[in-house]
Amino acid sequence: MARGPRCCKWVGFAGASLTFVKAESGVRGSAHIRPLHWYLACRLVLEGGFHPDEVTPRPPFRVRPARQRLLLEHDPGRGAGGERTILGGLKTKDVDVVVVKEGVGPVLAVSVKGTLGAFRNLTNRMEEAVGDCTNVHITYPALVYGFFHVIRANRSGPGVSANDVALREDGRVSEVILRYHDVMSRLAGRADVRADPTKYEAVALVLVSSDQAAAGDVVSAYPPPESPLLMGSFFEKLYAQYDQRFVFPAPGLDRTTRRMEWDGESPALSHPLVTEYSPRVTGGA
């Protein structure tokens, strides 16, 4: 068993988003959003090929070398919690999910935000996002920084205040969500270390249903297919930028920076949750 309720566990997005939507422990703590941190951390290992020792919070996996192969095992007792503090240009910043390479420093990070209601406050989120990104990129211009925002898609109806509505009764997205999407789209897609430090390498906006019959399910109708904020392309953008900055330009550091590939016979890859990912396996794309 994992060592405590704050220790990283292997969870899928469905389970993490359901915990977030229900927010049974209240909204002032972090219990409702912590599983989303765990989901991202586990994905960076399974799909991203980062060693679990490099990721904070530490995912519950063990890497076992075996005859030039790397076997990945699920080990609940190895999971650990916490955030990592990154030195910013203006102040230190506690970031939710961070990958640190020995001798190189922080190379990839994801800030996770969750909004359950009071959507008028999304204006503050925009300002915070710009400030956080700029602060971190001043000190680490090469850092691949992602912004992952999950919003509870409350539907208009009895008992739901106007400020808490994300979806109209006919399924249309509220104006405040539309405006937020447009602003965050302008903060996504930083593709070079010399580019605008106020922009993230990737941004994802995910609406999850609060309807009783579909609680925690992703609202697939929004963002639209042409949006730069789709969850499906978020991770691909992070990995691509990481390789372009830390792997391809520095072959001498290949043993440190190259992302790992897991043997296809790894015990962890037979776990039911693996179906949510495209694991980075030996010989894969």
C-alpha atoms as a PDB file:
ATOM      1  CA  MET A   1       0.000   0.000   0.000  1.00  0.00           C
ATOM      2  CA  ALA A   2       1.049   3.606  -0.595  1.00  0.00           C
ATOM      3  CA  ARG A   3       2.381   5.322   2.485  1.00  0.00           C
ATOM      4  CA  GLY A   4      -0.425   7.831   2.998  1.00  0.00           C
ATOM      5  CA  PRO A   5      -3.308   9.757   1.465  1.00  0.00           C
ATOM      6  CA  ARG A   6      -0.946  12.391   0.059  1.00  0.00           C
ATOM      7  CA  CYS A   7       1.342   9.887  -1.638  1.00  0.00           C
ATOM      8  CA  CYS A   8       1.078   9.565  -5.389  1.00  0.00           C
ATOM      9  CA  LYS A   9      -1.087   6.702  -6.591  1.00  0.00           C
ATOM     10  CA  TRP A  10      -1.637   5.321 -10.070  1.00  0.00           C
ATOM     11  CA  VAL A  11      -4.963   6.764 -11.167  1.00  0.00           C
ATOM     12  CA  GLY A  12      -6.637   7.213 -14.513  1.00  0.00           C
ATOM     13  CA  PHE A  13      -8.116  10.468 -15.695  1.00  0.00           C
ATOM     14  CA  ALA A  14     -11.662   9.192 -15.190  1.00  0.00           C
ATOM     15  CA  GLY A  15     -11.059   8.502 -11.515  1.00  0.00           C
ATOM     16  CA  ALA A  16      -9.135  11.724 -10.951  1.00  0.00           C
ATOM     17  CA  SER A  17     -11.745  13.877 -12.669  1.00  0.00           C
ATOM     18  CA  LEU A  18     -14.581  12.227 -10.742  1.00  0.00           C
ATOM     19  CA  THR A  19     -12.860  13.031  -7.447  1.00  0.00           C
ATOM     20  CA  PHE A  20     -12.408  16.598  -8.656  1.00  0.00           C
ATOM     21  CA  VAL A  21     -16.031  17.051  -9.736  1.00  0.00           C
ATOM     22  CA  LYS A  22     -17.454  15.668  -6.498  1.00  0.00           C
ATOM     23  CA  ALA A  23     -15.039  17.655  -4.292  1.00  0.00           C
ATOM     24  CA  GLU A  24     -16.331  15.705  -1.288  1.00  0.00           C
ATOM     25  CA  SER A  25     -13.568  17.022   0.970  1.00  0.00           C
ATOM     26  CA  GLY A  26     -14.430  20.628   0.161  1.00  0.00           C
ATOM     27  CA  VAL A  27     -12.708  23.150  -2.056  1.00  0.00           C
ATOM     28  CA  ARG A  28     -10.324  24.783   0.409  1.00  0.00           C
ATOM     29  CA  GLY A  29      -7.933  21.870   0.580  1.00  0.00           C
ATOM     30  CA  SER A  30      -6.185  20.049  -2.239  1.00  0.00           C
ATOM     31  CA  ALA A  31      -7.680  16.560  -1.865  1.00  0.00           C
ATOM     32  CA  HIS A  32     -10.090  17.107  -4.752  1.00  0.00           C
ATOM     33  CA  ILE A  33      -7.361  18.095  -7.213  1.00  0.00           C
ATOM     34  CA  ARG A  34      -4.417  16.043  -5.954  1.00  0.00           C
ATOM     35  CA  PRO A  35      -5.372  12.943  -8.022  1.00  0.00           C
ATOM     36  CA  LEU A  36      -5.025  15.069 -11.164  1.00  0.00           C
ATOM     37  CA  HIS A  37      -1.411  15.728 -10.161  1.00  0.00           C
ATOM     38  CA  TRP A  38      -0.931  11.985  -9.757  1.00  0.00           C
ATOM     39  CA  TYR A  39      -2.470  11.274 -13.150  1.00  0.00           C
ATOM     40  CA  LEU A  40      -0.072  13.664 -14.850  1.00  0.00           C
ATOM     41  CA  ALA A  41       2.954  12.363 -12.940  1.00  0.00           C
ATOM     42  CA  CYS A  42       2.165   8.748 -13.836  1.00  0.00           C
ATOM     43  CA  ARG A  43       1.614   9.659 -17.458  1.00  0.00           C
ATOM     44  CA  LEU A  44       5.018  11.345 -17.646  1.00  0.00           C
ATOM     45  CA  VAL A  45       6.579   8.013 -16.670  1.00  0.00           C
ATOM     46  CA  LEU A  46       4.499   5.570 -18.685  1.00  0.00           C
ATOM     47  CA  GLU A  47       4.078   7.635 -21.807  1.00  0.00           C
ATOM     48  CA  GLY A  48       6.788  10.261 -21.471  1.00  0.00           C
ATOM     49  CA  GLY A  49       9.616   7.898 -20.601  1.00  0.00           C
ATOM     50  CA  PHE A  50      10.871   9.825 -17.584  1.00  0.00           C
ATOM     51  CA  HIS A  51      12.333   7.875 -14.661  1.00  0.00           C
ATOM     52  CA  PRO A  52       9.955   7.969 -11.668  1.00  0.00           C
ATOM     53  CA  ASP A  53      12.796   9.217  -9.453  1.00  0.00           C
ATOM     54  CA  GLU A  54      12.927  12.355 -11.624  1.00  0.00           C
ATOM     55  CA  VAL A  55       9.247  13.218 -11.200  1.00  0.00           C
ATOM     56  CA  THR A  56       7.585  15.086  -8.333  1.00  0.00           C
ATOM     57  CA  PRO A  57       5.205  13.887  -6.978  1.00  0.00           C
ATOM     58  CA  ARG A  58       7.014  10.587  -7.322  1.00  0.00           C
ATOM     59  CA  PRO A  59       4.841   8.045  -9.163  1.00  0.00           C
ATOM     60  CA  PRO A  60       4.430   4.539  -7.696  1.00  0.00           C
ATOM     61  CA  PHE A  61       6.711   2.712 -10.113  1.00  0.00           C
ATOM     62  CA  ARG A  62      10.020   0.873 -10.002  1.00  0.00           C
ATOM     63  CA  VAL A  63      12.470   0.570 -12.890  1.00  0.00           C
ATOM     64  CA  ARG A  64      14.294  -2.755 -13.078  1.00  0.00           C
ATOM     65  CA  PRO A  65      17.110  -3.180 -15.628  1.00  0.00           C
ATOM     66  CA  ALA A  66      17.222  -6.676 -17.124  1.00  0.00           C
ATOM     67  CA  ARG A  67      19.663  -7.628 -19.902  1.00  0.00           C
ATOM     68  CA  GLN A  68      19.663  -4.254 -21.672  1.00  0.00           C
ATOM     69  CA  ARG A  69      15.942  -3.948 -21.147  1.00  0.00           C
ATOM     70  CA  LEU A  70      14.055  -1.644 -18.800  1.00  0.00           C
ATOM     71  CA  LEU A  71      11.183  -3.271 -16.997  1.00  0.00           C
ATOM     72  CA  LEU A  72       8.627  -0.979 -15.399  1.00  0.00           C
ATOM     73  CA  GLU A  73       6.820  -2.319 -12.349  1.00  0.00           C
ATOM     74  CA  HIS A  74       3.911  -0.873 -10.407  1.00  0.00           C
ATOM     75  CA  ASP A  75       5.051  -0.493  -6.795  1.00  0.00           C
ATOM     76  CA  PRO A  76       2.478   1.370  -4.647  1.00  0.00           C
ATOM     77  CA  GLY A  77       4.965   1.684  -1.798  1.00  0.00           C
ATOM     78  CA  ARG A  78       7.294   3.830  -3.895  1.00  0.00           C
ATOM     79  CA  GLY A  79       4.763   6.606  -4.412  1.00  0.00           C
ATOM     80  CA  ALA A  80       5.478   9.921  -2.703  1.00  0.00           C
ATOM     81  CA  GLY A  81       3.745  13.287  -2.591  1.00  0.00           C
ATOM     82  CA  GLY A  82       4.682  16.923  -2.483  1.00  0.00           C
ATOM     83  CA  GLU A  83       5.450  19.732  -4.866  1.00  0.00           C
ATOM     84  CA  ARG A  84       8.802  21.024  -6.041  1.00  0.00           C
ATOM     85  CA  THR A  85       9.941  24.592  -5.517  1.00  0.00           C
ATOM     86  CA  ILE A  86      11.438  26.211  -8.611  1.00  0.00           C
ATOM     87  CA  LEU A  87      13.584  29.315  -8.529  1.00  0.00           C
ATOM     88  CA  GLY A  88      11.869  32.066 -10.482  1.00  0.00           C
ATOM     89  CA  GLY A  89      13.204  35.343 -11.765  1.00  0.00           C
ATOM     90  CA  LEU A  90      11.018  37.284  -9.329  1.00  0.00           C
ATOM     91  CA  LYS A  91      10.166  34.738  -6.642  1.00  0.00           C
ATOM     92  CA  THR A  92      10.231  31.030  -5.949  1.00  0.00           C
ATOM     93  CA  LYS A  93       7.311  29.030  -7.294  1.00  0.00           C
ATOM     94  CA  ASP A  94       5.815  25.759  -5.999  1.00  0.00           C
ATOM     95  CA  VAL A  95       4.885  23.800  -9.107  1.00  0.00           C
ATOM     96  CA  ASP A  96       2.483  20.851  -9.018  1.00  0.00           C
ATOM     97  CA  VAL A  97       4.307  18.384 -11.293  1.00  0.00           C
ATOM     98  CA  VAL A  98       8.005  18.716 -12.128  1.00  0.00           C
ATOM     99  CA  VAL A  99      10.670  16.649 -13.897  1.00  0.00           C
ATOM    100  CA  VAL A 100      14.243  17.314 -12.767  1.00  0.00           C
ATOM    101  CA  LYS A 101      17.294  15.845 -14.490  1.00  0.00           C
ATOM    102  CA  GLU A 102      20.404  15.344 -12.371  1.00  0.00           C
ATOM    103  CA  GLY A 103      23.070  17.823 -13.427  1.00  0.00           C
ATOM    104  CA  VAL A 104      20.665  19.700 -15.680  1.00  0.00           C
ATOM    105  CA  GLY A 105      17.905  20.956 -13.402  1.00  0.00           C
ATOM    106  CA  PRO A 106      14.162  21.299 -13.972  1.00  0.00           C
ATOM    107  CA  VAL A 107      13.361  20.417 -17.585  1.00  0.00           C
ATOM    108  CA  LEU A 108       9.596  19.971 -17.671  1.00  0.00           C
ATOM    109  CA  ALA A 109       6.817  21.186 -15.391  1.00  0.00           C
ATOM    110  CA  VAL A 110       3.039  21.329 -15.333  1.00  0.00           C
ATOM    111  CA  SER A 111       0.910  23.756 -13.369  1.00  0.00           C
ATOM    112  CA  VAL A 112      -2.485  22.227 -12.593  1.00  0.00           C
ATOM    113  CA  LYS A 113      -5.551  24.369 -11.985  1.00  0.00           C
ATOM    114  CA  GLY A 114      -9.088  23.333 -11.167  1.00  0.00           C
ATOM    115  CA  THR A 115     -12.213  25.495 -11.152  1.00  0.00           C
ATOM    116  CA  LEU A 116     -15.494  24.234  -9.703  1.00  0.00           C
ATOM    117  CA  GLY A 117     -17.543  27.427 -10.070  1.00  0.00           C
ATOM    118  CA  ALA A 118     -17.493  31.208  -9.590  1.00  0.00           C
ATOM    119  CA  PHE A 119     -16.300  31.527 -13.167  1.00  0.00           C
ATOM    120  CA  ARG A 120     -16.082  35.310 -12.994  1.00  0.00           C
ATOM    121  CA  ASN A 121     -12.786  34.633 -11.189  1.00  0.00           C
ATOM    122  CA  LEU A 122     -11.278  33.172 -14.376  1.00  0.00           C
ATOM    123  CA  THR A 123     -10.027  36.696 -15.100  1.00  0.00           C
ATOM    124  CA  ASN A 124      -7.723  36.289 -12.108  1.00  0.00           C
ATOM    125  CA  ARG A 125      -6.563  32.915 -13.455  1.00  0.00           C
ATOM    126  CA  MET A 126      -5.479  34.588 -16.689  1.00  0.00           C
ATOM    127  CA  GLU A 127      -3.357  37.122 -14.827  1.00  0.00           C
ATOM    128  CA  GLU A 128      -1.871  34.450 -12.557  1.00  0.00           C
ATOM    129  CA  ALA A 129      -1.019  32.242 -15.543  1.00  0.00           C
ATOM    130  CA  VAL A 130       0.902  35.015 -17.281  1.00  0.00           C
ATOM    131  CA  GLY A 131       2.793  35.937 -14.116  1.00  0.00           C
ATOM    132  CA  ASP A 132       3.702  32.376 -13.157  1.00  0.00           C
ATOM    133  CA  CYS A 133       4.930  31.481 -16.617  1.00  0.00           C
ATOM    134  CA  THR A 134       7.023  34.629 -16.989  1.00  0.00           C
ATOM    135  CA  ASN A 135       8.529  34.244 -13.530  1.00  0.00           C
ATOM    136  CA  VAL A 136       9.678  30.670 -14.197  1.00  0.00           C
ATOM    137  CA  HIS A 137      10.890  31.258 -17.758  1.00  0.00           C
ATOM    138  CA  ILE A 138      13.057  34.201 -16.670  1.00  0.00           C
ATOM    139  CA  THR A 139      15.285  31.813 -14.716  1.00  0.00           C
ATOM    140  CA  TYR A 140      14.757  28.712 -16.876  1.00  0.00           C
ATOM    141  CA  PRO A 141      14.088  29.800 -20.477  1.00  0.00           C
ATOM    142  CA  ALA A 142      14.532  26.227 -21.716  1.00  0.00           C
ATOM    143  CA  LEU A 143      12.042  24.755 -19.244  1.00  0.00           C
ATOM    144  CA  VAL A 144       9.095  23.097 -20.976  1.00  0.00           C
ATOM    145  CA  TYR A 145       6.136  24.470 -19.062  1.00  0.00           C
ATOM    146  CA  GLY A 146       2.568  23.242 -19.377  1.00  0.00           C
ATOM    147  CA  PHE A 147      -0.670  24.651 -17.974  1.00  0.00           C
ATOM    148  CA  PHE A 148      -3.403  22.054 -17.369  1.00  0.00           C
ATOM    149  CA  HIS A 149      -6.781  23.485 -16.357  1.00  0.00           C
ATOM    150  CA  VAL A 150      -9.807  21.359 -15.491  1.00  0.00           C
ATOM    151  CA  ILE A 151     -13.222  23.026 -15.165  1.00  0.00           C
ATOM    152  CA  ARG A 152     -16.368  21.490 -13.708  1.00  0.00           C
ATOM    153  CA  ALA A 153     -18.950  21.866 -16.457  1.00  0.00           C
ATOM    154  CA  ASN A 154     -21.942  22.833 -14.349  1.00  0.00           C
ATOM    155  CA  ARG A 155     -25.082  22.885 -16.471  1.00  0.00           C
ATOM    156  CA  SER A 156     -27.647  25.666 -16.165  1.00  0.00           C
ATOM    157  CA  GLY A 157     -30.637  24.589 -14.102  1.00  0.00           C
ATOM    158  CA  PRO A 158     -32.367  24.785 -10.728  1.00  0.00           C
ATOM    159  CA  GLY A 159     -30.002  25.494  -7.865  1.00  0.00           C
ATOM    160  CA  VAL A 160     -27.081  26.578 -10.079  1.00  0.00           C
ATOM    161  CA  SER A 161     -26.229  30.270  -9.865  1.00  0.00           C
ATOM    162  CA  ALA A 162     -25.539  32.186 -13.065  1.00  0.00           C
ATOM    163  CA  ASN A 163     -21.880  32.632 -12.106  1.00  0.00           C
ATOM    164  CA  ASP A 164     -21.440  28.865 -11.706  1.00  0.00           C
ATOM    165  CA  VAL A 165     -22.804  27.954 -15.141  1.00  0.00           C
ATOM    166  CA  ALA A 166     -20.348  26.530 -17.675  1.00  0.00           C
ATOM    167  CA  LEU A 167     -22.924  24.940 -19.999  1.00  0.00           C
ATOM    168  CA  ARG A 168     -26.281  26.325 -21.045  1.00  0.00           C
ATOM    169  CA  GLU A 169     -29.297  24.028 -21.019  1.00  0.00           C
ATOM    170  CA  ASP A 170     -28.911  23.583 -24.788  1.00  0.00           C
ATOM    171  CA  GLY A 171     -25.254  22.540 -24.365  1.00  0.00           C
ATOM    172  CA  ARG A 172     -23.670  25.820 -25.465  1.00  0.00           C
ATOM    173  CA  VAL A 173     -20.643  26.963 -23.481  1.00  0.00           C
ATOM    174  CA  SER A 174     -21.057  30.097 -21.385  1.00  0.00           C
ATOM    175  CA  GLU A 175     -19.550  33.363 -22.581  1.00  0.00           C
ATOM    176  CA  VAL A 176     -17.057  33.553 -19.724  1.00  0.00           C
ATOM    177  CA  ILE A 177     -15.627  30.142 -20.649  1.00  0.00           C
ATOM    178  CA  LEU A 178     -15.418  31.174 -24.309  1.00  0.00           C
ATOM    179  CA  ARG A 179     -13.497  34.320 -23.407  1.00  0.00           C
ATOM    180  CA  TYR A 180     -11.173  32.383 -21.142  1.00  0.00           C
ATOM    181  CA  HIS A 181     -10.464  29.882 -23.919  1.00  0.00           C
ATOM    182  CA  ASP A 182      -9.595  32.678 -26.346  1.00  0.00           C
ATOM    183  CA  VAL A 183      -7.173  34.322 -23.921  1.00  0.00           C
ATOM    184  CA  MET A 184      -5.451  31.066 -22.967  1.00  0.00           C
ATOM    185  CA  SER A 185      -5.084  30.157 -26.643  1.00  0.00           C
ATOM    186  CA  ARG A 186      -2.863  33.217 -26.982  1.00  0.00           C
ATOM    187  CA  LEU A 187      -0.684  31.965 -24.127  1.00  0.00           C
ATOM    188  CA  ALA A 188      -0.053  28.543 -25.699  1.00  0.00           C
ATOM    189  CA  GLY A 189       2.532  27.279 -28.157  1.00  0.00           C
ATOM    190  CA  ARG A 190       5.938  28.623 -27.085  1.00  0.00           C
ATOM    191  CA  ALA A 191       8.262  26.796 -29.465  1.00  0.00           C
ATOM    192  CA  ASP A 192      11.742  28.214 -28.820  1.00  0.00           C
ATOM    193  CA  VAL A 193      13.870  29.117 -25.814  1.00  0.00           C
ATOM    194  CA  ARG A 194      14.171  32.686 -27.163  1.00  0.00           C
ATOM    195  CA  ALA A 195      10.433  33.071 -27.671  1.00  0.00           C
ATOM    196  CA  ASP A 196       7.992  35.056 -25.525  1.00  0.00           C
ATOM    197  CA  PRO A 197       8.519  33.967 -21.876  1.00  0.00           C
ATOM    198  CA  THR A 198       4.874  34.805 -21.067  1.00  0.00           C
ATOM    199  CA  LYS A 199       3.699  31.847 -23.157  1.00  0.00           C
ATOM    200  CA  TYR A 200       3.480  28.193 -22.125  1.00  0.00           C
ATOM    201  CA  GLU A 201       4.806  25.420 -24.309  1.00  0.00           C
ATOM    202  CA  ALA A 202       1.383  23.773 -24.047  1.00  0.00           C
ATOM    203  CA  VAL A 203      -1.972  24.580 -22.484  1.00  0.00           C
ATOM    204  CA  ALA A 204      -4.915  22.236 -21.974  1.00  0.00           C
ATOM    205  CA  LEU A 205      -8.460  23.234 -21.089  1.00  0.00           C
ATOM    206  CA  VAL A 206     -10.628  20.302 -20.050  1.00  0.00           C
ATOM    207  CA  LEU A 207     -14.318  20.524 -19.179  1.00  0.00           C
ATOM    208  CA  VAL A 208     -15.652  17.601 -17.132  1.00  0.00           C
ATOM    209  CA  SER A 209     -19.318  16.923 -16.658  1.00  0.00           C
ATOM    210  CA  SER A 210     -21.089  17.393 -13.341  1.00  0.00           C
ATOM    211  CA  ASP A 211     -24.290  15.691 -14.555  1.00  0.00           C
ATOM    212  CA  GLN A 212     -25.173  12.823 -12.269  1.00  0.00           C
ATOM    213  CA  ALA A 213     -25.252  10.234 -15.048  1.00  0.00           C
ATOM    214  CA  ALA A 214     -21.944  11.345 -16.570  1.00  0.00           C
ATOM    215  CA  ALA A 215     -20.058  12.855 -13.623  1.00  0.00           C
ATOM    216  CA  GLY A 216     -16.358  13.194 -14.382  1.00  0.00           C
ATOM    217  CA  ASP A 217     -16.684  12.475 -18.110  1.00  0.00           C
ATOM    218  CA  VAL A 218     -14.854  14.813 -20.469  1.00  0.00           C
ATOM    219  CA  VAL A 219     -17.139  17.160 -22.389  1.00  0.00           C
ATOM    220  CA  SER A 220     -15.974  16.202 -25.874  1.00  0.00           C
ATOM    221  CA  ALA A 221     -17.850  18.989 -27.659  1.00  0.00           C
ATOM    222  CA  TYR A 222     -15.585  21.689 -26.227  1.00  0.00           C
ATOM    223  CA  PRO A 223     -12.917  22.882 -26.880  1.00  0.00           C
ATOM    224  CA  PRO A 224     -13.565  22.520 -30.648  1.00  0.00           C
ATOM    225  CA  PRO A 225     -11.314  20.273 -32.797  1.00  0.00           C
ATOM    226  CA  GLU A 226      -9.285  23.202 -34.108  1.00  0.00           C
ATOM    227  CA  SER A 227      -8.477  24.516 -30.612  1.00  0.00           C
ATOM    228  CA  PRO A 228      -4.825  24.664 -29.474  1.00  0.00           C
ATOM    229  CA  LEU A 229      -6.004  23.730 -25.974  1.00  0.00           C
ATOM    230  CA  LEU A 230      -7.054  20.119 -26.581  1.00  0.00           C
ATOM    231  CA  MET A 231      -6.013  17.617 -23.935  1.00  0.00           C
ATOM    232  CA  GLY A 232      -5.205  15.046 -26.633  1.00  0.00           C
ATOM    233  CA  SER A 233      -2.320  17.075 -28.053  1.00  0.00           C
ATOM    234  CA  PHE A 234      -1.114  18.577 -24.761  1.00  0.00           C
ATOM    235  CA  PHE A 235       1.326  15.803 -23.864  1.00  0.00           C
ATOM    236  CA  GLU A 236       2.645  15.407 -27.408  1.00  0.00           C
ATOM    237  CA  LYS A 237       3.596  19.096 -27.439  1.00  0.00           C
ATOM    238  CA  LEU A 238       5.435  18.788 -24.128  1.00  0.00           C
ATOM    239  CA  TYR A 239       7.427  15.746 -25.243  1.00  0.00           C
ATOM    240  CA  ALA A 240       8.287  17.289 -28.616  1.00  0.00           C
ATOM    241  CA  GLN A 241       9.582  20.491 -27.048  1.00  0.00           C
ATOM    242  CA  TYR A 242      11.553  18.547 -24.452  1.00  0.00           C
ATOM    243  CA  ASP A 243      13.312  16.489 -27.123  1.00  0.00           C
ATOM    244  CA  GLN A 244      14.071  19.568 -29.221  1.00  0.00           C
ATOM    245  CA  ARG A 245      15.659  21.401 -26.294  1.00  0.00           C
ATOM    246  CA  PHE A 246      17.331  18.739 -24.174  1.00  0.00           C
ATOM    247  CA  VAL A 247      17.936  15.702 -26.386  1.00  0.00           C
ATOM    248  CA  PHE A 248      18.605  16.516 -30.052  1.00  0.00           C
ATOM    249  CA  PRO A 249      20.967  19.512 -29.521  1.00  0.00           C
ATOM    250  CA  ALA A 250      23.112  17.757 -26.890  1.00  0.00           C
ATOM    251  CA  PRO A 251      24.175  14.253 -27.970  1.00  0.00           C
ATOM    252  CA  GLY A 252      26.902  14.333 -25.325  1.00  0.00           C
ATOM    253  CA  LEU A 253      24.210  14.377 -22.631  1.00  0.00           C
ATOM    254  CA  ASP A 254      22.167  11.639 -24.254  1.00  0.00           C
ATOM    255  CA  ARG A 255      22.524   9.191 -21.365  1.00  0.00           C
ATOM    256  CA  THR A 256      21.071  11.800 -19.016  1.00  0.00           C
ATOM    257  CA  THR A 257      18.424  13.493 -21.121  1.00  0.00           C
ATOM    258  CA  ARG A 258      17.156  10.764 -23.461  1.00  0.00           C
ATOM    259  CA  ARG A 259      13.677   9.593 -22.561  1.00  0.00           C
ATOM    260  CA  MET A 260      13.436   5.951 -21.522  1.00  0.00           C
ATOM    261  CA  GLU A 261      11.659   3.160 -23.366  1.00  0.00           C
ATOM    262  CA  TRP A 262       9.980   0.401 -21.403  1.00  0.00           C
ATOM    263  CA  ASP A 263      10.156  -3.223 -22.390  1.00  0.00           C
ATOM    264  CA  GLY A 264       6.829  -4.399 -23.767  1.00  0.00           C
ATOM    265  CA  GLU A 265       6.772  -7.235 -21.247  1.00  0.00           C
ATOM    266  CA  SER A 266       6.989  -4.875 -18.262  1.00  0.00           C
ATOM    267  CA  PRO A 267       4.569  -5.962 -15.507  1.00  0.00           C
ATOM    268  CA  ALA A 268       3.138  -2.439 -15.262  1.00  0.00           C
ATOM    269  CA  LEU A 269       2.047  -2.542 -18.894  1.00  0.00           C
ATOM    270  CA  SER A 270      -0.474  -5.303 -18.159  1.00  0.00           C
ATOM    271  CA  HIS A 271      -2.351  -3.061 -15.709  1.00  0.00           C
ATOM    272  CA  PRO A 272      -5.907  -2.099 -16.825  1.00  0.00           C
ATOM    273  CA  LEU A 273      -5.113   1.633 -16.564  1.00  0.00           C
ATOM    274  CA  VAL A 274      -2.499   1.341 -19.319  1.00  0.00           C
ATOM    275  CA  THR A 275      -5.317   1.501 -21.880  1.00  0.00           C
ATOM    276  CA  GLU A 276      -5.592   5.243 -21.148  1.00  0.00           C
ATOM    277  CA  TYR A 277      -2.081   5.876 -22.470  1.00  0.00           C
ATOM    278  CA  SER A 278       0.216   5.102 -25.353  1.00  0.00           C
ATOM    279  CA  PRO A 279       3.126   3.672 -23.315  1.00  0.00           C
ATOM    280  CA  ARG A 280       6.625   4.453 -24.538  1.00  0.00           C
ATOM    281  CA  VAL A 281       7.852   0.979 -25.336  1.00  0.00           C
ATOM    282  CA  THR A 282      11.039  -0.324 -26.915  1.00  0.00           C
ATOM    283  CA  GLY A 283      10.790  -0.153 -30.666  1.00  0.00           C
ATOM    284  CA  GLY A 284       7.735   2.107 -30.573  1.00  0.00           C
ATOM    285  CA  ALA A 285       7.214   5.334 -32.466  1.00  0.00           C
END
